[in-house]
Amino acid sequence: MSSLLAEIDQRTQLAGHNRLELLLFRLQGRQRFGINVFKVKEVITCPRLTQIPDSHPVICGIAHLRGCTIPILDLSLGIGGKPLPHDGSGYAIISEYNRSVQGFLVSGVDRIINMGWEQILPPPKGTGKDSYLTAVTEFESELIEVIDVEKIMKEIIGTSEEISEGILDENVDAGEQHILIVDDSLVARNQVKRVLEQLGVQYTLARDGEEAWQILLQWQHEGKDLPKFLTMVISDVEMPKMDGYTLTTKIRDDEAMKDLYILLHTSLSGVFNQNMVEKVGANQFLAKFAPDDLAQAIQERLKTHASQA
């Protein structure tokens, strides 16, 4: 396990090259699941847990690690499976999602694999909106399932999608302005969509960087002046087929699109992503998901874009 943890600390050079590394783990049986290594802070043998009265059943308890109190979630139970044993036989994947740190209880941790985002595919059609899969890939002739952790956390912890009354700026006129939303998570797309609807902004949705790129090319083919037509692109970083960093790079390399305003909206580490924003040429980075922060960033851009029209 110590060698596995050492590997996790050596991964940041992959970002910006449309590649990622997945930490593979098991919940029940032989099926393997994956989580992006960039979201993993450490993997530990499941520590002693303190029970929380009246907590959500998926929360096994809280662990005290290095002076911090961290909730531990039973990931098997979170996706509708059987609960995992709480006898200390499993592992806790300590991760950072959406501005919070939590641990995911799993039965076993396998290995780290290096892949291109083009090898990560959307879930098969027919899985439905209630599915907990955000992507799938193949490794050693086996289907690896990537879980939509944002969906699980919303169901367990809850996330407000309402903008606070004091944040809404009545002087901002959305008019005919348009925003492209790019995110592979249905939950995340709906969260951003809800903010835009409260602001009265028109939008188009894309499920990954490749789909967003094709939408942009189509608009370009239709003769749209993209910097005038499109107020901004709000893009996730982690996505099947093409990640947000690669999408940003392709936009910057296209003469007709290079001036588009790009906000990278992701649950990955803020410090790390700020460096990547500068590297690939995005305009702004914002950590998921805080509706007031997102609304403020959008309103500022709406005002600037309107003044340039």
C-alpha atoms as a PDB file:
ATOM      1  CA  MET A   1       0.000   0.000   0.000  1.00  0.00           C
ATOM      2  CA  SER A   2       2.879   2.412   0.714  1.00  0.00           C
ATOM      3  CA  SER A   3       4.171   2.054  -2.857  1.00  0.00           C
ATOM      4  CA  LEU A   4       0.658   2.764  -4.168  1.00  0.00           C
ATOM      5  CA  LEU A   5       0.469   5.936  -2.095  1.00  0.00           C
ATOM      6  CA  ALA A   6       3.892   7.011  -3.350  1.00  0.00           C
ATOM      7  CA  GLU A   7       2.603   6.655  -6.916  1.00  0.00           C
ATOM      8  CA  ILE A   8      -0.369   8.923  -6.166  1.00  0.00           C
ATOM      9  CA  ASP A   9       2.013  11.761  -5.292  1.00  0.00           C
ATOM     10  CA  GLN A  10       3.690  11.667  -8.742  1.00  0.00           C
ATOM     11  CA  ARG A  11       0.778  12.294 -11.100  1.00  0.00           C
ATOM     12  CA  THR A  12       0.359  16.022 -11.712  1.00  0.00           C
ATOM     13  CA  GLN A  13       2.419  16.061 -14.931  1.00  0.00           C
ATOM     14  CA  LEU A  14      -0.363  14.257 -16.835  1.00  0.00           C
ATOM     15  CA  ALA A  15      -2.862  17.103 -16.725  1.00  0.00           C
ATOM     16  CA  GLY A  16      -3.162  19.138 -19.887  1.00  0.00           C
ATOM     17  CA  HIS A  17      -2.282  16.161 -22.105  1.00  0.00           C
ATOM     18  CA  ASN A  18      -5.790  14.643 -22.267  1.00  0.00           C
ATOM     19  CA  ARG A  19      -4.616  11.844 -19.973  1.00  0.00           C
ATOM     20  CA  LEU A  20      -5.534  10.713 -16.512  1.00  0.00           C
ATOM     21  CA  GLU A  21      -4.795   7.938 -14.077  1.00  0.00           C
ATOM     22  CA  LEU A  22      -7.460   5.922 -12.349  1.00  0.00           C
ATOM     23  CA  LEU A  23      -7.136   4.309  -8.955  1.00  0.00           C
ATOM     24  CA  LEU A  24      -8.973   1.002  -9.267  1.00  0.00           C
ATOM     25  CA  PHE A  25     -10.922  -0.403  -6.325  1.00  0.00           C
ATOM     26  CA  ARG A  26     -13.601  -2.944  -5.477  1.00  0.00           C
ATOM     27  CA  LEU A  27     -16.823  -2.706  -3.505  1.00  0.00           C
ATOM     28  CA  GLN A  28     -18.669  -6.034  -3.687  1.00  0.00           C
ATOM     29  CA  GLY A  29     -17.426  -9.012  -5.666  1.00  0.00           C
ATOM     30  CA  ARG A  30     -15.034  -8.836  -8.619  1.00  0.00           C
ATOM     31  CA  GLN A  31     -16.314  -5.687 -10.345  1.00  0.00           C
ATOM     32  CA  ARG A  32     -13.665  -2.947 -10.395  1.00  0.00           C
ATOM     33  CA  PHE A  33     -14.402   0.760 -10.211  1.00  0.00           C
ATOM     34  CA  GLY A  34     -12.193   3.785 -10.868  1.00  0.00           C
ATOM     35  CA  ILE A  35     -11.566   7.199  -9.349  1.00  0.00           C
ATOM     36  CA  ASN A  36      -9.302   9.897 -10.771  1.00  0.00           C
ATOM     37  CA  VAL A  37      -6.029   9.927  -8.846  1.00  0.00           C
ATOM     38  CA  PHE A  38      -6.048  13.740  -8.811  1.00  0.00           C
ATOM     39  CA  LYS A  39      -8.984  13.613  -6.405  1.00  0.00           C
ATOM     40  CA  VAL A  40      -7.263  11.184  -4.039  1.00  0.00           C
ATOM     41  CA  LYS A  41      -5.378  12.632  -1.095  1.00  0.00           C
ATOM     42  CA  GLU A  42      -4.430   9.260   0.409  1.00  0.00           C
ATOM     43  CA  VAL A  43      -5.541   5.662   0.851  1.00  0.00           C
ATOM     44  CA  ILE A  44      -5.555   4.191   4.345  1.00  0.00           C
ATOM     45  CA  THR A  45      -6.740   1.101   6.142  1.00  0.00           C
ATOM     46  CA  CYS A  46     -10.171   2.022   7.423  1.00  0.00           C
ATOM     47  CA  PRO A  47      -9.624   3.738  10.790  1.00  0.00           C
ATOM     48  CA  ARG A  48     -11.749   3.516  13.898  1.00  0.00           C
ATOM     49  CA  LEU A  49     -15.010   5.333  13.232  1.00  0.00           C
ATOM     50  CA  THR A  50     -17.152   7.388  15.569  1.00  0.00           C
ATOM     51  CA  GLN A  51     -20.869   7.034  14.909  1.00  0.00           C
ATOM     52  CA  ILE A  52     -22.986  10.124  14.265  1.00  0.00           C
ATOM     53  CA  PRO A  53     -26.543   9.948  15.652  1.00  0.00           C
ATOM     54  CA  ASP A  54     -29.313  10.460  13.075  1.00  0.00           C
ATOM     55  CA  SER A  55     -26.840  10.729  10.184  1.00  0.00           C
ATOM     56  CA  HIS A  56     -27.543   9.546   6.647  1.00  0.00           C
ATOM     57  CA  PRO A  57     -27.259   5.721   6.478  1.00  0.00           C
ATOM     58  CA  VAL A  58     -24.497   5.960   3.843  1.00  0.00           C
ATOM     59  CA  ILE A  59     -22.272   7.803   6.345  1.00  0.00           C
ATOM     60  CA  CYS A  60     -20.502   5.057   8.321  1.00  0.00           C
ATOM     61  CA  GLY A  61     -19.142   7.524  10.845  1.00  0.00           C
ATOM     62  CA  ILE A  62     -16.369  10.053  11.210  1.00  0.00           C
ATOM     63  CA  ALA A  63     -12.633   9.477  11.395  1.00  0.00           C
ATOM     64  CA  HIS A  64     -10.083  11.673  13.159  1.00  0.00           C
ATOM     65  CA  LEU A  65      -7.053  12.086  10.900  1.00  0.00           C
ATOM     66  CA  ARG A  66      -4.182  14.486  11.646  1.00  0.00           C
ATOM     67  CA  GLY A  67      -6.344  16.805  13.659  1.00  0.00           C
ATOM     68  CA  CYS A  68      -9.223  16.797  11.141  1.00  0.00           C
ATOM     69  CA  THR A  69     -12.657  15.206  11.372  1.00  0.00           C
ATOM     70  CA  ILE A  70     -13.585  13.469   8.119  1.00  0.00           C
ATOM     71  CA  PRO A  71     -16.885  11.738   7.274  1.00  0.00           C
ATOM     72  CA  ILE A  72     -16.507   8.226   5.859  1.00  0.00           C
ATOM     73  CA  LEU A  73     -19.118   7.151   3.282  1.00  0.00           C
ATOM     74  CA  ASP A  74     -19.972   3.564   2.396  1.00  0.00           C
ATOM     75  CA  LEU A  75     -19.600   3.817  -1.386  1.00  0.00           C
ATOM     76  CA  SER A  76     -21.320   0.481  -1.995  1.00  0.00           C
ATOM     77  CA  LEU A  77     -24.398   1.577  -0.070  1.00  0.00           C
ATOM     78  CA  GLY A  78     -24.217   4.964  -1.798  1.00  0.00           C
ATOM     79  CA  ILE A  79     -24.793   3.391  -5.237  1.00  0.00           C
ATOM     80  CA  GLY A  80     -27.583   1.125  -4.022  1.00  0.00           C
ATOM     81  CA  GLY A  81     -25.528  -1.964  -3.175  1.00  0.00           C
ATOM     82  CA  LYS A  82     -25.160  -3.927   0.032  1.00  0.00           C
ATOM     83  CA  PRO A  83     -23.342  -2.230   2.932  1.00  0.00           C
ATOM     84  CA  LEU A  84     -19.672  -3.033   3.394  1.00  0.00           C
ATOM     85  CA  PRO A  85     -18.408  -4.464   6.700  1.00  0.00           C
ATOM     86  CA  HIS A  86     -17.415  -1.840   9.258  1.00  0.00           C
ATOM     87  CA  ASP A  87     -14.966  -4.149  11.002  1.00  0.00           C
ATOM     88  CA  GLY A  88     -11.778  -2.425   9.867  1.00  0.00           C
ATOM     89  CA  SER A  89     -11.149  -4.897   7.045  1.00  0.00           C
ATOM     90  CA  GLY A  90     -11.658  -2.366   4.252  1.00  0.00           C
ATOM     91  CA  TYR A  91      -9.899   0.770   3.055  1.00  0.00           C
ATOM     92  CA  ALA A  92     -10.804   4.432   3.044  1.00  0.00           C
ATOM     93  CA  ILE A  93     -10.028   6.501  -0.055  1.00  0.00           C
ATOM     94  CA  ILE A  94      -9.604  10.024   1.301  1.00  0.00           C
ATOM     95  CA  SER A  95     -10.571  12.452  -1.437  1.00  0.00           C
ATOM     96  CA  GLU A  96     -11.438  16.071  -2.090  1.00  0.00           C
ATOM     97  CA  TYR A  97     -14.646  16.832  -3.985  1.00  0.00           C
ATOM     98  CA  ASN A  98     -16.553  20.075  -4.282  1.00  0.00           C
ATOM     99  CA  ARG A  99     -14.641  21.977  -1.590  1.00  0.00           C
ATOM    100  CA  SER A 100     -14.908  19.194   0.992  1.00  0.00           C
ATOM    101  CA  VAL A 101     -12.778  16.283   2.149  1.00  0.00           C
ATOM    102  CA  GLN A 102     -14.347  12.906   2.819  1.00  0.00           C
ATOM    103  CA  GLY A 103     -13.424   9.249   2.795  1.00  0.00           C
ATOM    104  CA  PHE A 104     -15.035   6.487   0.744  1.00  0.00           C
ATOM    105  CA  LEU A 105     -15.139   3.053   2.318  1.00  0.00           C
ATOM    106  CA  VAL A 106     -14.196   0.333  -0.206  1.00  0.00           C
ATOM    107  CA  SER A 107     -13.452  -3.349   0.224  1.00  0.00           C
ATOM    108  CA  GLY A 108     -10.153  -3.377  -1.652  1.00  0.00           C
ATOM    109  CA  VAL A 109      -7.757  -1.186  -3.632  1.00  0.00           C
ATOM    110  CA  ASP A 110      -6.158  -2.656  -6.738  1.00  0.00           C
ATOM    111  CA  ARG A 111      -3.758  -0.510  -8.758  1.00  0.00           C
ATOM    112  CA  ILE A 112      -3.294   2.730 -10.700  1.00  0.00           C
ATOM    113  CA  ILE A 113      -3.713   2.703 -14.487  1.00  0.00           C
ATOM    114  CA  ASN A 114      -2.684   5.387 -16.987  1.00  0.00           C
ATOM    115  CA  MET A 115      -5.177   6.171 -19.758  1.00  0.00           C
ATOM    116  CA  GLY A 116      -6.092   8.773 -22.330  1.00  0.00           C
ATOM    117  CA  TRP A 117      -9.397  10.575 -21.858  1.00  0.00           C
ATOM    118  CA  GLU A 118     -10.397   9.330 -25.319  1.00  0.00           C
ATOM    119  CA  GLN A 119     -10.447   5.815 -23.777  1.00  0.00           C
ATOM    120  CA  ILE A 120     -12.967   6.968 -21.156  1.00  0.00           C
ATOM    121  CA  LEU A 121     -16.460   6.677 -22.604  1.00  0.00           C
ATOM    122  CA  PRO A 122     -19.924   7.823 -21.502  1.00  0.00           C
ATOM    123  CA  PRO A 123     -22.111   5.172 -19.848  1.00  0.00           C
ATOM    124  CA  PRO A 124     -23.976   2.889 -22.261  1.00  0.00           C
ATOM    125  CA  LYS A 125     -27.281   4.278 -23.514  1.00  0.00           C
ATOM    126  CA  GLY A 126     -30.184   3.044 -21.482  1.00  0.00           C
ATOM    127  CA  THR A 127     -28.531   3.351 -18.079  1.00  0.00           C
ATOM    128  CA  GLY A 128     -31.003   6.126 -17.267  1.00  0.00           C
ATOM    129  CA  LYS A 129     -30.867   9.300 -15.205  1.00  0.00           C
ATOM    130  CA  ASP A 130     -30.822   7.315 -11.963  1.00  0.00           C
ATOM    131  CA  SER A 131     -27.563   5.570 -12.847  1.00  0.00           C
ATOM    132  CA  TYR A 132     -24.530   6.274 -10.676  1.00  0.00           C
ATOM    133  CA  LEU A 133     -22.114   5.832 -13.591  1.00  0.00           C
ATOM    134  CA  THR A 134     -20.479   8.868 -15.116  1.00  0.00           C
ATOM    135  CA  ALA A 135     -18.142   6.938 -17.454  1.00  0.00           C
ATOM    136  CA  VAL A 136     -16.773   3.508 -18.328  1.00  0.00           C
ATOM    137  CA  THR A 137     -13.524   2.178 -19.765  1.00  0.00           C
ATOM    138  CA  GLU A 138     -11.938  -1.175 -20.547  1.00  0.00           C
ATOM    139  CA  PHE A 139      -8.858  -2.615 -18.865  1.00  0.00           C
ATOM    140  CA  GLU A 140      -7.563  -6.180 -19.121  1.00  0.00           C
ATOM    141  CA  SER A 141     -10.724  -7.117 -21.072  1.00  0.00           C
ATOM    142  CA  GLU A 142     -12.841  -5.943 -18.145  1.00  0.00           C
ATOM    143  CA  LEU A 143     -15.300  -3.053 -17.948  1.00  0.00           C
ATOM    144  CA  ILE A 144     -14.210  -0.477 -15.363  1.00  0.00           C
ATOM    145  CA  GLU A 145     -17.018   1.701 -14.001  1.00  0.00           C
ATOM    146  CA  VAL A 146     -16.379   5.310 -12.987  1.00  0.00           C
ATOM    147  CA  ILE A 147     -18.900   6.452 -10.388  1.00  0.00           C
ATOM    148  CA  ASP A 148     -20.602   9.856 -10.454  1.00  0.00           C
ATOM    149  CA  VAL A 149     -19.468  10.900  -6.987  1.00  0.00           C
ATOM    150  CA  GLU A 150     -21.129  14.316  -7.353  1.00  0.00           C
ATOM    151  CA  LYS A 151     -24.507  12.604  -7.682  1.00  0.00           C
ATOM    152  CA  ILE A 152     -23.897  10.510  -4.556  1.00  0.00           C
ATOM    153  CA  MET A 153     -22.745  13.485  -2.508  1.00  0.00           C
ATOM    154  CA  LYS A 154     -25.722  15.583  -3.562  1.00  0.00           C
ATOM    155  CA  GLU A 155     -28.090  12.830  -2.431  1.00  0.00           C
ATOM    156  CA  ILE A 156     -26.303  12.386   0.895  1.00  0.00           C
ATOM    157  CA  ILE A 157     -25.118  15.863   1.850  1.00  0.00           C
ATOM    158  CA  GLY A 158     -27.373  17.986  -0.337  1.00  0.00           C
ATOM    159  CA  THR A 159     -26.404  21.059  -2.338  1.00  0.00           C
ATOM    160  CA  SER A 160     -28.337  24.287  -2.715  1.00  0.00           C
ATOM    161  CA  GLU A 161     -28.748  25.484  -6.297  1.00  0.00           C
ATOM    162  CA  GLU A 162     -30.425  28.763  -5.321  1.00  0.00           C
ATOM    163  CA  ILE A 163     -28.648  32.098  -5.651  1.00  0.00           C
ATOM    164  CA  SER A 164     -28.805  34.273  -2.538  1.00  0.00           C
ATOM    165  CA  GLU A 165     -31.014  37.321  -2.860  1.00  0.00           C
ATOM    166  CA  GLY A 166     -28.153  39.755  -2.317  1.00  0.00           C
ATOM    167  CA  ILE A 167     -26.105  38.260  -5.151  1.00  0.00           C
ATOM    168  CA  LEU A 168     -28.547  38.833  -7.992  1.00  0.00           C
ATOM    169  CA  ASP A 169     -27.694  42.084  -9.793  1.00  0.00           C
ATOM    170  CA  GLU A 170     -30.796  43.597 -11.360  1.00  0.00           C
ATOM    171  CA  ASN A 171     -28.622  45.911 -13.451  1.00  0.00           C
ATOM    172  CA  VAL A 172     -27.193  42.979 -15.402  1.00  0.00           C
ATOM    173  CA  ASP A 173     -29.137  42.459 -18.637  1.00  0.00           C
ATOM    174  CA  ALA A 174     -28.688  38.929 -19.972  1.00  0.00           C
ATOM    175  CA  GLY A 175     -30.364  39.985 -23.205  1.00  0.00           C
ATOM    176  CA  GLU A 176     -29.429  37.642 -26.050  1.00  0.00           C
ATOM    177  CA  GLN A 177     -26.246  36.447 -24.394  1.00  0.00           C
ATOM    178  CA  HIS A 178     -25.471  32.739 -24.626  1.00  0.00           C
ATOM    179  CA  ILE A 179     -23.325  30.364 -22.538  1.00  0.00           C
ATOM    180  CA  LEU A 180     -22.016  26.889 -23.354  1.00  0.00           C
ATOM    181  CA  ILE A 181     -22.056  24.445 -20.399  1.00  0.00           C
ATOM    182  CA  VAL A 182     -19.717  21.442 -20.654  1.00  0.00           C
ATOM    183  CA  ASP A 183     -19.875  18.691 -18.024  1.00  0.00           C
ATOM    184  CA  ASP A 184     -20.188  14.908 -18.098  1.00  0.00           C
ATOM    185  CA  SER A 185     -22.122  14.763 -14.818  1.00  0.00           C
ATOM    186  CA  LEU A 186     -25.889  15.204 -15.205  1.00  0.00           C
ATOM    187  CA  VAL A 187     -26.017  16.547 -11.653  1.00  0.00           C
ATOM    188  CA  ALA A 188     -23.328  19.144 -12.362  1.00  0.00           C
ATOM    189  CA  ARG A 189     -24.925  20.209 -15.664  1.00  0.00           C
ATOM    190  CA  ASN A 190     -28.249  20.726 -13.932  1.00  0.00           C
ATOM    191  CA  GLN A 191     -26.616  22.720 -11.139  1.00  0.00           C
ATOM    192  CA  VAL A 192     -25.032  25.172 -13.591  1.00  0.00           C
ATOM    193  CA  LYS A 193     -28.206  25.227 -15.693  1.00  0.00           C
ATOM    194  CA  ARG A 194     -30.267  26.164 -12.644  1.00  0.00           C
ATOM    195  CA  VAL A 195     -27.966  29.120 -11.908  1.00  0.00           C
ATOM    196  CA  LEU A 196     -28.228  30.349 -15.501  1.00  0.00           C
ATOM    197  CA  GLU A 197     -32.010  30.050 -15.448  1.00  0.00           C
ATOM    198  CA  GLN A 198     -32.155  32.236 -12.354  1.00  0.00           C
ATOM    199  CA  LEU A 199     -30.012  34.795 -14.179  1.00  0.00           C
ATOM    200  CA  GLY A 200     -32.182  34.590 -17.305  1.00  0.00           C
ATOM    201  CA  VAL A 201     -29.310  33.493 -19.550  1.00  0.00           C
ATOM    202  CA  GLN A 202     -29.697  31.291 -22.619  1.00  0.00           C
ATOM    203  CA  TYR A 203     -27.472  28.210 -22.712  1.00  0.00           C
ATOM    204  CA  THR A 204     -26.433  25.102 -24.624  1.00  0.00           C
ATOM    205  CA  LEU A 205     -25.438  21.859 -22.910  1.00  0.00           C
ATOM    206  CA  ALA A 206     -22.597  19.491 -23.856  1.00  0.00           C
ATOM    207  CA  ARG A 207     -21.733  16.208 -22.126  1.00  0.00           C
ATOM    208  CA  ASP A 208     -17.984  16.242 -22.758  1.00  0.00           C
ATOM    209  CA  GLY A 209     -15.219  18.206 -24.416  1.00  0.00           C
ATOM    210  CA  GLU A 210     -15.563  16.437 -27.758  1.00  0.00           C
ATOM    211  CA  GLU A 211     -19.280  17.210 -27.994  1.00  0.00           C
ATOM    212  CA  ALA A 212     -18.594  20.838 -27.031  1.00  0.00           C
ATOM    213  CA  TRP A 213     -15.907  21.088 -29.712  1.00  0.00           C
ATOM    214  CA  GLN A 214     -18.300  19.763 -32.357  1.00  0.00           C
ATOM    215  CA  ILE A 215     -20.945  22.282 -31.253  1.00  0.00           C
ATOM    216  CA  LEU A 216     -18.445  25.109 -31.596  1.00  0.00           C
ATOM    217  CA  LEU A 217     -17.401  23.901 -35.062  1.00  0.00           C
ATOM    218  CA  GLN A 218     -21.062  23.716 -36.099  1.00  0.00           C
ATOM    219  CA  TRP A 219     -21.704  27.268 -34.931  1.00  0.00           C
ATOM    220  CA  GLN A 220     -18.607  28.354 -36.794  1.00  0.00           C
ATOM    221  CA  HIS A 221     -19.846  26.568 -39.937  1.00  0.00           C
ATOM    222  CA  GLU A 222     -23.187  28.408 -39.614  1.00  0.00           C
ATOM    223  CA  GLY A 223     -21.292  31.675 -39.816  1.00  0.00           C
ATOM    224  CA  LYS A 224     -21.655  32.776 -36.197  1.00  0.00           C
ATOM    225  CA  ASP A 225     -19.104  35.256 -34.887  1.00  0.00           C
ATOM    226  CA  LEU A 226     -18.317  33.149 -31.832  1.00  0.00           C
ATOM    227  CA  PRO A 227     -16.694  35.798 -29.588  1.00  0.00           C
ATOM    228  CA  LYS A 228     -19.810  37.964 -30.082  1.00  0.00           C
ATOM    229  CA  PHE A 229     -22.401  35.178 -29.989  1.00  0.00           C
ATOM    230  CA  LEU A 230     -20.976  33.227 -27.052  1.00  0.00           C
ATOM    231  CA  THR A 231     -20.564  35.044 -23.748  1.00  0.00           C
ATOM    232  CA  MET A 232     -18.467  32.316 -22.168  1.00  0.00           C
ATOM    233  CA  VAL A 233     -17.731  28.602 -21.940  1.00  0.00           C
ATOM    234  CA  ILE A 234     -18.192  26.977 -18.518  1.00  0.00           C
ATOM    235  CA  SER A 235     -16.355  23.680 -18.647  1.00  0.00           C
ATOM    236  CA  ASP A 236     -15.609  20.826 -16.292  1.00  0.00           C
ATOM    237  CA  VAL A 237     -12.057  19.453 -16.404  1.00  0.00           C
ATOM    238  CA  GLU A 238     -12.611  15.701 -16.029  1.00  0.00           C
ATOM    239  CA  MET A 239     -14.682  14.393 -18.939  1.00  0.00           C
ATOM    240  CA  PRO A 240     -14.784  11.359 -21.244  1.00  0.00           C
ATOM    241  CA  LYS A 241     -13.325  11.620 -24.762  1.00  0.00           C
ATOM    242  CA  MET A 242     -11.799  15.092 -24.249  1.00  0.00           C
ATOM    243  CA  ASP A 243     -11.009  16.825 -20.967  1.00  0.00           C
ATOM    244  CA  GLY A 244     -11.494  20.505 -20.234  1.00  0.00           C
ATOM    245  CA  TYR A 245      -7.812  21.355 -20.496  1.00  0.00           C
ATOM    246  CA  THR A 246      -7.604  19.886 -24.011  1.00  0.00           C
ATOM    247  CA  LEU A 247     -10.831  21.650 -25.050  1.00  0.00           C
ATOM    248  CA  THR A 248      -9.357  24.941 -23.823  1.00  0.00           C
ATOM    249  CA  THR A 249      -6.129  24.345 -25.750  1.00  0.00           C
ATOM    250  CA  LYS A 250      -8.026  23.555 -28.977  1.00  0.00           C
ATOM    251  CA  ILE A 251     -10.114  26.716 -28.604  1.00  0.00           C
ATOM    252  CA  ARG A 252      -7.014  28.847 -28.080  1.00  0.00           C
ATOM    253  CA  ASP A 253      -5.360  27.309 -31.152  1.00  0.00           C
ATOM    254  CA  ASP A 254      -8.323  28.169 -33.414  1.00  0.00           C
ATOM    255  CA  GLU A 255      -8.140  31.624 -34.976  1.00  0.00           C
ATOM    256  CA  ALA A 256     -11.918  32.175 -34.897  1.00  0.00           C
ATOM    257  CA  MET A 257     -12.346  30.957 -31.317  1.00  0.00           C
ATOM    258  CA  LYS A 258      -9.165  31.993 -29.557  1.00  0.00           C
ATOM    259  CA  ASP A 259     -10.773  34.988 -27.824  1.00  0.00           C
ATOM    260  CA  LEU A 260     -13.619  33.035 -26.199  1.00  0.00           C
ATOM    261  CA  TYR A 261     -13.876  33.476 -22.435  1.00  0.00           C
ATOM    262  CA  ILE A 262     -13.373  30.116 -20.670  1.00  0.00           C
ATOM    263  CA  LEU A 263     -14.169  29.359 -17.035  1.00  0.00           C
ATOM    264  CA  LEU A 264     -12.977  25.961 -15.805  1.00  0.00           C
ATOM    265  CA  HIS A 265     -15.486  24.740 -13.222  1.00  0.00           C
ATOM    266  CA  THR A 266     -14.219  21.645 -11.434  1.00  0.00           C
ATOM    267  CA  SER A 267     -14.085  19.736  -8.177  1.00  0.00           C
ATOM    268  CA  LEU A 268     -10.319  19.219  -8.448  1.00  0.00           C
ATOM    269  CA  SER A 269      -7.751  20.943  -6.216  1.00  0.00           C
ATOM    270  CA  GLY A 270      -7.905  24.729  -6.475  1.00  0.00           C
ATOM    271  CA  VAL A 271      -4.168  25.426  -6.226  1.00  0.00           C
ATOM    272  CA  PHE A 272      -3.292  22.803  -8.821  1.00  0.00           C
ATOM    273  CA  ASN A 273      -5.968  23.992 -11.204  1.00  0.00           C
ATOM    274  CA  GLN A 274      -4.968  27.636 -10.940  1.00  0.00           C
ATOM    275  CA  ASN A 275      -1.574  26.615 -12.315  1.00  0.00           C
ATOM    276  CA  MET A 276      -3.261  24.677 -15.116  1.00  0.00           C
ATOM    277  CA  VAL A 277      -5.534  27.639 -15.945  1.00  0.00           C
ATOM    278  CA  GLU A 278      -2.431  29.675 -16.695  1.00  0.00           C
ATOM    279  CA  LYS A 279      -0.783  26.824 -18.597  1.00  0.00           C
ATOM    280  CA  VAL A 280      -3.639  26.133 -21.030  1.00  0.00           C
ATOM    281  CA  GLY A 281      -4.867  29.712 -21.269  1.00  0.00           C
ATOM    282  CA  ALA A 282      -8.266  29.618 -19.592  1.00  0.00           C
ATOM    283  CA  ASN A 283      -9.541  32.908 -18.184  1.00  0.00           C
ATOM    284  CA  GLN A 284     -10.738  31.737 -14.792  1.00  0.00           C
ATOM    285  CA  PHE A 285     -10.943  28.756 -12.453  1.00  0.00           C
ATOM    286  CA  LEU A 286     -13.808  28.166 -10.030  1.00  0.00           C
ATOM    287  CA  ALA A 287     -14.193  25.257  -7.624  1.00  0.00           C
ATOM    288  CA  LYS A 288     -17.529  23.402  -7.618  1.00  0.00           C
ATOM    289  CA  PHE A 289     -20.187  23.973  -6.461  1.00  0.00           C
ATOM    290  CA  ALA A 290     -21.120  27.299  -4.902  1.00  0.00           C
ATOM    291  CA  PRO A 291     -24.077  28.926  -6.700  1.00  0.00           C
ATOM    292  CA  ASP A 292     -23.331  32.420  -5.359  1.00  0.00           C
ATOM    293  CA  ASP A 293     -19.699  32.305  -6.523  1.00  0.00           C
ATOM    294  CA  LEU A 294     -20.722  30.966  -9.916  1.00  0.00           C
ATOM    295  CA  ALA A 295     -23.467  33.589 -10.274  1.00  0.00           C
ATOM    296  CA  GLN A 296     -21.042  36.396  -9.441  1.00  0.00           C
ATOM    297  CA  ALA A 297     -18.505  35.146 -11.994  1.00  0.00           C
ATOM    298  CA  ILE A 298     -21.197  34.862 -14.675  1.00  0.00           C
ATOM    299  CA  GLN A 299     -22.665  38.286 -13.953  1.00  0.00           C
ATOM    300  CA  GLU A 300     -19.244  39.928 -14.165  1.00  0.00           C
ATOM    301  CA  ARG A 301     -18.693  38.280 -17.523  1.00  0.00           C
ATOM    302  CA  LEU A 302     -22.180  39.247 -18.734  1.00  0.00           C
ATOM    303  CA  LYS A 303     -21.452  42.900 -17.990  1.00  0.00           C
ATOM    304  CA  THR A 304     -18.074  42.805 -19.732  1.00  0.00           C
ATOM    305  CA  HIS A 305     -19.409  40.972 -22.773  1.00  0.00           C
ATOM    306  CA  ALA A 306     -22.367  43.366 -23.105  1.00  0.00           C
ATOM    307  CA  SER A 307     -20.012  46.346 -23.070  1.00  0.00           C
ATOM    308  CA  GLN A 308     -17.967  44.801 -25.895  1.00  0.00           C
ATOM    309  CA  ALA A 309     -20.961  44.171 -28.142  1.00  0.00           C
END
